[in-house]
Amino acid sequence: MKSLLIFFTLLCVGSFSNEETVTWDETSKLTWADFKAEPDAESDAVALTASGITFGYSLKTAGKRIAAVSTTVEAHFYPNKSWYLKDKGNAHILAHEQLHFDITELYARKFRQQLAELEVNQNIKAQMNALHNAINEAVSKTQKRYDQETMHSMNIEKQKEWEVFIGKELKALDQFK
Protein backbone atom coordinates (compact mmCIF):
# COMPACT_ATOMS: atom_id res chain seq x y z
CA MET A 1 0.00 0.00 0.00
CA LYS A 2 2.69 2.44 -0.98
CA SER A 3 1.65 5.89 -2.13
CA LEU A 4 3.78 8.57 -3.65
CA LEU A 5 3.69 12.35 -3.79
CA ILE A 6 4.81 14.73 -6.42
CA PHE A 7 4.72 18.30 -5.31
CA PHE A 8 4.45 20.93 -8.00
CA THR A 9 5.22 24.50 -7.03
CA LEU A 10 4.12 27.33 -9.23
CA LEU A 11 5.05 30.96 -9.07
CA CYS A 12 2.29 32.84 -10.77
CA VAL A 13 2.58 36.56 -11.32
CA GLY A 14 -0.33 38.10 -13.12
CA SER A 15 -2.54 35.36 -14.50
CA PHE A 16 -2.82 31.81 -13.26
CA SER A 17 -2.50 28.75 -15.47
CA ASN A 18 -5.57 27.47 -17.28
CA GLU A 19 -4.82 23.98 -15.97
CA GLU A 20 -7.64 22.34 -14.03
CA THR A 21 -7.17 22.76 -10.29
CA VAL A 22 -8.98 22.06 -7.06
CA THR A 23 -8.41 24.79 -4.48
CA TRP A 24 -8.05 23.54 -0.91
CA ASP A 25 -11.28 23.95 1.07
CA GLU A 26 -11.84 22.74 4.61
CA THR A 27 -15.44 21.78 3.79
CA SER A 28 -14.61 19.40 0.97
CA LYS A 29 -12.22 16.49 0.71
CA LEU A 30 -10.65 14.84 -2.30
CA THR A 31 -12.41 11.88 -3.85
CA TRP A 32 -10.97 9.29 -6.19
CA ALA A 33 -12.90 11.01 -8.99
CA ASP A 34 -10.49 13.96 -8.57
CA PHE A 35 -7.55 11.76 -9.64
CA LYS A 36 -7.80 11.92 -13.45
CA ALA A 37 -4.33 11.12 -14.79
CA GLU A 38 -3.41 7.71 -16.14
CA PRO A 39 -1.47 5.66 -13.55
CA ASP A 40 2.27 5.32 -14.08
CA ALA A 41 2.76 1.68 -15.07
CA GLU A 42 6.40 1.78 -13.90
CA SER A 43 5.61 3.10 -10.43
CA ASP A 44 5.29 1.01 -7.27
CA ALA A 45 2.85 3.60 -5.93
CA VAL A 46 -0.86 3.06 -5.50
CA ALA A 47 -1.59 6.78 -5.90
CA LEU A 48 0.13 10.01 -6.74
CA THR A 49 -0.98 13.42 -5.51
CA ALA A 50 0.12 16.52 -7.39
CA SER A 51 -0.39 19.65 -5.35
CA GLY A 52 1.29 22.99 -4.99
CA ILE A 53 1.14 26.55 -3.82
CA THR A 54 0.31 29.29 -6.30
CA PHE A 55 1.58 32.74 -5.45
CA GLY A 56 0.77 36.01 -7.14
CA TYR A 57 1.23 39.62 -6.24
CA SER A 58 0.57 43.10 -7.50
CA LEU A 59 2.41 46.25 -6.60
CA LYS A 60 1.04 49.76 -6.27
CA THR A 61 3.62 52.42 -6.93
CA ALA A 62 3.90 56.11 -6.21
CA GLY A 63 6.39 57.43 -8.70
CA LYS A 64 9.28 54.99 -8.60
CA ARG A 65 8.54 53.84 -5.06
CA ILE A 66 6.52 50.77 -4.11
CA ALA A 67 3.63 52.02 -1.97
CA ALA A 68 1.55 48.88 -1.41
CA VAL A 69 1.55 45.14 -2.13
CA SER A 70 -1.35 42.76 -2.62
CA THR A 71 -0.74 39.02 -2.58
CA THR A 72 -2.64 35.85 -3.39
CA VAL A 73 -1.56 32.46 -2.06
CA GLU A 74 -3.55 29.28 -2.68
CA ALA A 75 -3.05 25.56 -2.19
CA HIS A 76 -4.06 23.62 -5.29
CA PHE A 77 -4.52 19.99 -6.25
CA TYR A 78 -3.91 19.10 -9.90
CA PRO A 79 -6.38 16.41 -11.07
CA ASN A 80 -4.78 15.87 -14.46
CA LYS A 81 -1.42 15.09 -12.86
CA SER A 82 -2.80 12.96 -10.00
CA TRP A 83 -3.67 9.28 -10.32
CA TYR A 84 -4.47 6.07 -8.46
CA LEU A 85 -4.76 2.38 -9.17
CA LYS A 86 -8.49 1.67 -9.21
CA ASP A 87 -8.10 -1.91 -7.98
CA LYS A 88 -5.93 -0.87 -5.01
CA GLY A 89 -7.28 2.54 -3.99
CA ASN A 90 -9.23 2.53 -0.75
CA ALA A 91 -10.42 4.97 1.91
CA HIS A 92 -7.20 4.65 3.93
CA ILE A 93 -4.98 5.55 0.96
CA LEU A 94 -7.32 8.37 -0.04
CA ALA A 95 -7.01 9.80 3.51
CA HIS A 96 -3.23 9.61 3.16
CA GLU A 97 -3.41 11.50 -0.15
CA GLN A 98 -5.78 14.07 1.37
CA LEU A 99 -3.24 14.75 4.10
CA HIS A 100 -0.64 15.54 1.45
CA PHE A 101 -3.05 18.21 0.20
CA ASP A 102 -3.66 19.39 3.79
CA ILE A 103 0.10 19.75 4.27
CA THR A 104 0.17 21.92 1.16
CA GLU A 105 -2.54 24.12 2.71
CA LEU A 106 -0.62 24.31 5.99
CA TYR A 107 2.40 25.73 4.18
CA ALA A 108 0.20 28.10 2.17
CA ARG A 109 -0.99 29.47 5.54
CA LYS A 110 2.57 29.73 6.83
CA PHE A 111 3.47 31.61 3.65
CA ARG A 112 0.49 33.99 4.06
CA GLN A 113 1.59 34.62 7.65
CA GLN A 114 5.14 35.44 6.58
CA LEU A 115 3.92 37.73 3.79
CA ALA A 116 1.66 39.57 6.25
CA GLU A 117 4.69 40.32 8.43
CA LEU A 118 6.67 41.95 5.62
CA GLU A 119 6.96 45.71 5.52
CA VAL A 120 6.59 47.38 2.15
CA ASN A 121 9.97 48.54 0.87
CA GLN A 122 11.91 48.70 -2.36
CA ASN A 123 13.21 45.13 -1.88
CA ILE A 124 9.77 43.59 -1.30
CA LYS A 125 9.79 41.54 -4.53
CA ALA A 126 13.10 39.91 -3.65
CA GLN A 127 11.91 39.29 -0.09
CA MET A 128 8.67 37.68 -1.27
CA ASN A 129 10.51 35.49 -3.77
CA ALA A 130 12.98 34.41 -1.07
CA LEU A 131 10.08 33.52 1.25
CA HIS A 132 8.41 31.63 -1.60
CA ASN A 133 11.56 29.59 -2.24
CA ALA A 134 12.01 28.87 1.47
CA ILE A 135 8.39 27.78 1.94
CA ASN A 136 8.65 25.46 -1.06
CA GLU A 137 11.75 23.82 0.40
CA ALA A 138 10.04 23.45 3.77
CA VAL A 139 6.85 21.91 2.37
CA SER A 140 8.85 19.52 0.23
CA LYS A 141 10.85 18.33 3.26
CA THR A 142 7.66 17.90 5.29
CA GLN A 143 5.95 15.94 2.50
CA LYS A 144 8.94 13.59 2.26
CA ARG A 145 9.13 13.18 6.05
CA TYR A 146 5.39 12.41 6.14
CA ASP A 147 5.81 9.63 3.59
CA GLN A 148 8.90 8.26 5.33
CA GLU A 149 7.37 8.23 8.81
CA THR A 150 4.06 6.74 7.67
CA MET A 151 5.80 4.36 5.26
CA HIS A 152 3.56 5.77 2.53
CA SER A 153 0.42 5.13 4.65
CA MET A 154 1.33 1.59 5.75
CA ASN A 155 2.18 2.63 9.33
CA ILE A 156 -1.37 3.24 10.54
CA GLU A 157 -0.33 4.54 13.98
CA LYS A 158 2.02 7.13 12.45
CA GLN A 159 -0.65 8.03 9.89
CA LYS A 160 -3.06 8.87 12.73
CA GLU A 161 -0.35 10.88 14.52
CA TRP A 162 0.24 12.93 11.39
CA GLU A 163 -3.50 13.52 10.93
CA VAL A 164 -3.76 14.90 14.47
CA PHE A 165 -0.58 16.96 14.10
CA ILE A 166 -1.57 18.56 10.79
CA GLY A 167 -5.09 19.23 12.09
CA LYS A 168 -3.66 21.12 15.10
CA GLU A 169 -1.21 23.04 12.93
CA LEU A 170 -3.96 24.10 10.53
CA LYS A 171 -6.15 25.23 13.42
CA ALA A 172 -3.29 27.25 14.90
CA LEU A 173 -3.06 29.16 11.61
CA ASP A 174 -6.83 29.58 11.10
CA GLN A 175 -6.47 33.35 10.70
CA PHE A 176 -4.38 32.76 7.57
CA LYS A 177 -6.80 30.46 5.73
C-alpha atoms as a PDB file:
ATOM      1  CA  MET A   1       0.000   0.000   0.000  1.00  0.00           C
ATOM      2  CA  LYS A   2       2.686   2.442  -0.980  1.00  0.00           C
ATOM      3  CA  SER A   3       1.652   5.888  -2.126  1.00  0.00           C
ATOM      4  CA  LEU A   4       3.782   8.573  -3.655  1.00  0.00           C
ATOM      5  CA  LEU A   5       3.685  12.353  -3.786  1.00  0.00           C
ATOM      6  CA  ILE A   6       4.815  14.728  -6.423  1.00  0.00           C
ATOM      7  CA  PHE A   7       4.718  18.299  -5.307  1.00  0.00           C
ATOM      8  CA  PHE A   8       4.453  20.931  -7.997  1.00  0.00           C
ATOM      9  CA  THR A   9       5.220  24.500  -7.034  1.00  0.00           C
ATOM     10  CA  LEU A  10       4.124  27.325  -9.227  1.00  0.00           C
ATOM     11  CA  LEU A  11       5.053  30.958  -9.066  1.00  0.00           C
ATOM     12  CA  CYS A  12       2.293  32.836 -10.768  1.00  0.00           C
ATOM     13  CA  VAL A  13       2.585  36.561 -11.321  1.00  0.00           C
ATOM     14  CA  GLY A  14      -0.332  38.101 -13.121  1.00  0.00           C
ATOM     15  CA  SER A  15      -2.538  35.362 -14.496  1.00  0.00           C
ATOM     16  CA  PHE A  16      -2.821  31.807 -13.259  1.00  0.00           C
ATOM     17  CA  SER A  17      -2.505  28.753 -15.466  1.00  0.00           C
ATOM     18  CA  ASN A  18      -5.575  27.471 -17.276  1.00  0.00           C
ATOM     19  CA  GLU A  19      -4.822  23.981 -15.965  1.00  0.00           C
ATOM     20  CA  GLU A  20      -7.640  22.337 -14.027  1.00  0.00           C
ATOM     21  CA  THR A  21      -7.169  22.757 -10.294  1.00  0.00           C
ATOM     22  CA  VAL A  22      -8.982  22.056  -7.061  1.00  0.00           C
ATOM     23  CA  THR A  23      -8.411  24.789  -4.483  1.00  0.00           C
ATOM     24  CA  TRP A  24      -8.053  23.540  -0.910  1.00  0.00           C
ATOM     25  CA  ASP A  25     -11.275  23.946   1.073  1.00  0.00           C
ATOM     26  CA  GLU A  26     -11.842  22.742   4.611  1.00  0.00           C
ATOM     27  CA  THR A  27     -15.443  21.784   3.795  1.00  0.00           C
ATOM     28  CA  SER A  28     -14.610  19.403   0.967  1.00  0.00           C
ATOM     29  CA  LYS A  29     -12.222  16.494   0.712  1.00  0.00           C
ATOM     30  CA  LEU A  30     -10.649  14.841  -2.299  1.00  0.00           C
ATOM     31  CA  THR A  31     -12.406  11.876  -3.847  1.00  0.00           C
ATOM     32  CA  TRP A  32     -10.966   9.288  -6.192  1.00  0.00           C
ATOM     33  CA  ALA A  33     -12.903  11.012  -8.986  1.00  0.00           C
ATOM     34  CA  ASP A  34     -10.493  13.958  -8.569  1.00  0.00           C
ATOM     35  CA  PHE A  35      -7.546  11.759  -9.643  1.00  0.00           C
ATOM     36  CA  LYS A  36      -7.799  11.916 -13.447  1.00  0.00           C
ATOM     37  CA  ALA A  37      -4.328  11.120 -14.786  1.00  0.00           C
ATOM     38  CA  GLU A  38      -3.405   7.710 -16.139  1.00  0.00           C
ATOM     39  CA  PRO A  39      -1.473   5.659 -13.555  1.00  0.00           C
ATOM     40  CA  ASP A  40       2.269   5.316 -14.080  1.00  0.00           C
ATOM     41  CA  ALA A  41       2.764   1.681 -15.067  1.00  0.00           C
ATOM     42  CA  GLU A  42       6.395   1.781 -13.903  1.00  0.00           C
ATOM     43  CA  SER A  43       5.613   3.101 -10.434  1.00  0.00           C
ATOM     44  CA  ASP A  44       5.290   1.015  -7.271  1.00  0.00           C
ATOM     45  CA  ALA A  45       2.855   3.598  -5.926  1.00  0.00           C
ATOM     46  CA  VAL A  46      -0.865   3.060  -5.499  1.00  0.00           C
ATOM     47  CA  ALA A  47      -1.590   6.782  -5.898  1.00  0.00           C
ATOM     48  CA  LEU A  48       0.128  10.012  -6.741  1.00  0.00           C
ATOM     49  CA  THR A  49      -0.983  13.420  -5.510  1.00  0.00           C
ATOM     50  CA  ALA A  50       0.117  16.516  -7.390  1.00  0.00           C
ATOM     51  CA  SER A  51      -0.390  19.649  -5.351  1.00  0.00           C
ATOM     52  CA  GLY A  52       1.286  22.993  -4.993  1.00  0.00           C
ATOM     53  CA  ILE A  53       1.139  26.552  -3.823  1.00  0.00           C
ATOM     54  CA  THR A  54       0.307  29.290  -6.296  1.00  0.00           C
ATOM     55  CA  PHE A  55       1.579  32.744  -5.455  1.00  0.00           C
ATOM     56  CA  GLY A  56       0.770  36.009  -7.136  1.00  0.00           C
ATOM     57  CA  TYR A  57       1.228  39.625  -6.243  1.00  0.00           C
ATOM     58  CA  SER A  58       0.572  43.104  -7.505  1.00  0.00           C
ATOM     59  CA  LEU A  59       2.414  46.252  -6.596  1.00  0.00           C
ATOM     60  CA  LYS A  60       1.042  49.760  -6.266  1.00  0.00           C
ATOM     61  CA  THR A  61       3.617  52.423  -6.933  1.00  0.00           C
ATOM     62  CA  ALA A  62       3.899  56.107  -6.210  1.00  0.00           C
ATOM     63  CA  GLY A  63       6.390  57.428  -8.702  1.00  0.00           C
ATOM     64  CA  LYS A  64       9.277  54.987  -8.600  1.00  0.00           C
ATOM     65  CA  ARG A  65       8.539  53.845  -5.059  1.00  0.00           C
ATOM     66  CA  ILE A  66       6.518  50.772  -4.109  1.00  0.00           C
ATOM     67  CA  ALA A  67       3.635  52.020  -1.968  1.00  0.00           C
ATOM     68  CA  ALA A  68       1.555  48.875  -1.408  1.00  0.00           C
ATOM     69  CA  VAL A  69       1.549  45.144  -2.129  1.00  0.00           C
ATOM     70  CA  SER A  70      -1.351  42.764  -2.617  1.00  0.00           C
ATOM     71  CA  THR A  71      -0.735  39.019  -2.578  1.00  0.00           C
ATOM     72  CA  THR A  72      -2.638  35.851  -3.392  1.00  0.00           C
ATOM     73  CA  VAL A  73      -1.561  32.459  -2.055  1.00  0.00           C
ATOM     74  CA  GLU A  74      -3.552  29.282  -2.682  1.00  0.00           C
ATOM     75  CA  ALA A  75      -3.054  25.563  -2.190  1.00  0.00           C
ATOM     76  CA  HIS A  76      -4.057  23.616  -5.294  1.00  0.00           C
ATOM     77  CA  PHE A  77      -4.518  19.991  -6.254  1.00  0.00           C
ATOM     78  CA  TYR A  78      -3.906  19.100  -9.904  1.00  0.00           C
ATOM     79  CA  PRO A  79      -6.384  16.410 -11.068  1.00  0.00           C
ATOM     80  CA  ASN A  80      -4.777  15.870 -14.459  1.00  0.00           C
ATOM     81  CA  LYS A  81      -1.419  15.093 -12.856  1.00  0.00           C
ATOM     82  CA  SER A  82      -2.802  12.958  -9.999  1.00  0.00           C
ATOM     83  CA  TRP A  83      -3.669   9.279 -10.317  1.00  0.00           C
ATOM     84  CA  TYR A  84      -4.468   6.070  -8.459  1.00  0.00           C
ATOM     85  CA  LEU A  85      -4.761   2.381  -9.174  1.00  0.00           C
ATOM     86  CA  LYS A  86      -8.491   1.668  -9.213  1.00  0.00           C
ATOM     87  CA  ASP A  87      -8.101  -1.908  -7.979  1.00  0.00           C
ATOM     88  CA  LYS A  88      -5.932  -0.865  -5.005  1.00  0.00           C
ATOM     89  CA  GLY A  89      -7.275   2.540  -3.995  1.00  0.00           C
ATOM     90  CA  ASN A  90      -9.226   2.527  -0.750  1.00  0.00           C
ATOM     91  CA  ALA A  91     -10.415   4.969   1.908  1.00  0.00           C
ATOM     92  CA  HIS A  92      -7.200   4.647   3.928  1.00  0.00           C
ATOM     93  CA  ILE A  93      -4.985   5.552   0.961  1.00  0.00           C
ATOM     94  CA  LEU A  94      -7.323   8.371  -0.036  1.00  0.00           C
ATOM     95  CA  ALA A  95      -7.014   9.800   3.509  1.00  0.00           C
ATOM     96  CA  HIS A  96      -3.226   9.615   3.155  1.00  0.00           C
ATOM     97  CA  GLU A  97      -3.410  11.502  -0.149  1.00  0.00           C
ATOM     98  CA  GLN A  98      -5.778  14.074   1.371  1.00  0.00           C
ATOM     99  CA  LEU A  99      -3.244  14.749   4.104  1.00  0.00           C
ATOM    100  CA  HIS A 100      -0.636  15.545   1.449  1.00  0.00           C
ATOM    101  CA  PHE A 101      -3.046  18.211   0.200  1.00  0.00           C
ATOM    102  CA  ASP A 102      -3.664  19.391   3.787  1.00  0.00           C
ATOM    103  CA  ILE A 103       0.099  19.754   4.272  1.00  0.00           C
ATOM    104  CA  THR A 104       0.172  21.924   1.155  1.00  0.00           C
ATOM    105  CA  GLU A 105      -2.541  24.123   2.714  1.00  0.00           C
ATOM    106  CA  LEU A 106      -0.616  24.306   5.988  1.00  0.00           C
ATOM    107  CA  TYR A 107       2.399  25.725   4.181  1.00  0.00           C
ATOM    108  CA  ALA A 108       0.201  28.097   2.174  1.00  0.00           C
ATOM    109  CA  ARG A 109      -0.992  29.469   5.537  1.00  0.00           C
ATOM    110  CA  LYS A 110       2.571  29.734   6.825  1.00  0.00           C
ATOM    111  CA  PHE A 111       3.468  31.612   3.650  1.00  0.00           C
ATOM    112  CA  ARG A 112       0.488  33.989   4.064  1.00  0.00           C
ATOM    113  CA  GLN A 113       1.587  34.624   7.652  1.00  0.00           C
ATOM    114  CA  GLN A 114       5.139  35.439   6.575  1.00  0.00           C
ATOM    115  CA  LEU A 115       3.923  37.726   3.792  1.00  0.00           C
ATOM    116  CA  ALA A 116       1.661  39.571   6.248  1.00  0.00           C
ATOM    117  CA  GLU A 117       4.689  40.316   8.434  1.00  0.00           C
ATOM    118  CA  LEU A 118       6.667  41.954   5.616  1.00  0.00           C
ATOM    119  CA  GLU A 119       6.958  45.712   5.518  1.00  0.00           C
ATOM    120  CA  VAL A 120       6.586  47.385   2.147  1.00  0.00           C
ATOM    121  CA  ASN A 121       9.970  48.543   0.870  1.00  0.00           C
ATOM    122  CA  GLN A 122      11.912  48.702  -2.358  1.00  0.00           C
ATOM    123  CA  ASN A 123      13.212  45.130  -1.882  1.00  0.00           C
ATOM    124  CA  ILE A 124       9.772  43.592  -1.300  1.00  0.00           C
ATOM    125  CA  LYS A 125       9.788  41.545  -4.530  1.00  0.00           C
ATOM    126  CA  ALA A 126      13.103  39.913  -3.651  1.00  0.00           C
ATOM    127  CA  GLN A 127      11.908  39.294  -0.093  1.00  0.00           C
ATOM    128  CA  MET A 128       8.667  37.677  -1.275  1.00  0.00           C
ATOM    129  CA  ASN A 129      10.511  35.492  -3.767  1.00  0.00           C
ATOM    130  CA  ALA A 130      12.983  34.405  -1.068  1.00  0.00           C
ATOM    131  CA  LEU A 131      10.080  33.520   1.248  1.00  0.00           C
ATOM    132  CA  HIS A 132       8.409  31.625  -1.597  1.00  0.00           C
ATOM    133  CA  ASN A 133      11.560  29.590  -2.237  1.00  0.00           C
ATOM    134  CA  ALA A 134      12.015  28.871   1.468  1.00  0.00           C
ATOM    135  CA  ILE A 135       8.393  27.776   1.938  1.00  0.00           C
ATOM    136  CA  ASN A 136       8.654  25.460  -1.060  1.00  0.00           C
ATOM    137  CA  GLU A 137      11.754  23.825   0.397  1.00  0.00           C
ATOM    138  CA  ALA A 138      10.042  23.452   3.771  1.00  0.00           C
ATOM    139  CA  VAL A 139       6.850  21.908   2.373  1.00  0.00           C
ATOM    140  CA  SER A 140       8.850  19.515   0.233  1.00  0.00           C
ATOM    141  CA  LYS A 141      10.845  18.330   3.259  1.00  0.00           C
ATOM    142  CA  THR A 142       7.664  17.901   5.285  1.00  0.00           C
ATOM    143  CA  GLN A 143       5.953  15.937   2.501  1.00  0.00           C
ATOM    144  CA  LYS A 144       8.941  13.592   2.265  1.00  0.00           C
ATOM    145  CA  ARG A 145       9.127  13.180   6.047  1.00  0.00           C
ATOM    146  CA  TYR A 146       5.391  12.411   6.142  1.00  0.00           C
ATOM    147  CA  ASP A 147       5.807   9.628   3.585  1.00  0.00           C
ATOM    148  CA  GLN A 148       8.903   8.261   5.330  1.00  0.00           C
ATOM    149  CA  GLU A 149       7.374   8.229   8.809  1.00  0.00           C
ATOM    150  CA  THR A 150       4.062   6.739   7.669  1.00  0.00           C
ATOM    151  CA  MET A 151       5.799   4.355   5.262  1.00  0.00           C
ATOM    152  CA  HIS A 152       3.560   5.772   2.526  1.00  0.00           C
ATOM    153  CA  SER A 153       0.419   5.129   4.648  1.00  0.00           C
ATOM    154  CA  MET A 154       1.330   1.590   5.747  1.00  0.00           C
ATOM    155  CA  ASN A 155       2.176   2.626   9.334  1.00  0.00           C
ATOM    156  CA  ILE A 156      -1.366   3.236  10.543  1.00  0.00           C
ATOM    157  CA  GLU A 157      -0.328   4.539  13.983  1.00  0.00           C
ATOM    158  CA  LYS A 158       2.022   7.130  12.449  1.00  0.00           C
ATOM    159  CA  GLN A 159      -0.654   8.031   9.891  1.00  0.00           C
ATOM    160  CA  LYS A 160      -3.061   8.869  12.731  1.00  0.00           C
ATOM    161  CA  GLU A 161      -0.348  10.882  14.524  1.00  0.00           C
ATOM    162  CA  TRP A 162       0.236  12.931  11.390  1.00  0.00           C
ATOM    163  CA  GLU A 163      -3.502  13.520  10.927  1.00  0.00           C
ATOM    164  CA  VAL A 164      -3.764  14.899  14.473  1.00  0.00           C
ATOM    165  CA  PHE A 165      -0.575  16.964  14.105  1.00  0.00           C
ATOM    166  CA  ILE A 166      -1.568  18.564  10.790  1.00  0.00           C
ATOM    167  CA  GLY A 167      -5.090  19.232  12.094  1.00  0.00           C
ATOM    168  CA  LYS A 168      -3.658  21.117  15.099  1.00  0.00           C
ATOM    169  CA  GLU A 169      -1.206  23.044  12.930  1.00  0.00           C
ATOM    170  CA  LEU A 170      -3.963  24.100  10.526  1.00  0.00           C
ATOM    171  CA  LYS A 171      -6.150  25.226  13.417  1.00  0.00           C
ATOM    172  CA  ALA A 172      -3.290  27.248  14.902  1.00  0.00           C
ATOM    173  CA  LEU A 173      -3.058  29.164  11.610  1.00  0.00           C
ATOM    174  CA  ASP A 174      -6.825  29.580  11.097  1.00  0.00           C
ATOM    175  CA  GLN A 175      -6.475  33.353  10.699  1.00  0.00           C
ATOM    176  CA  PHE A 176      -4.381  32.763   7.572  1.00  0.00           C
ATOM    177  CA  LYS A 177      -6.801  30.459   5.727  1.00  0.00           C
END
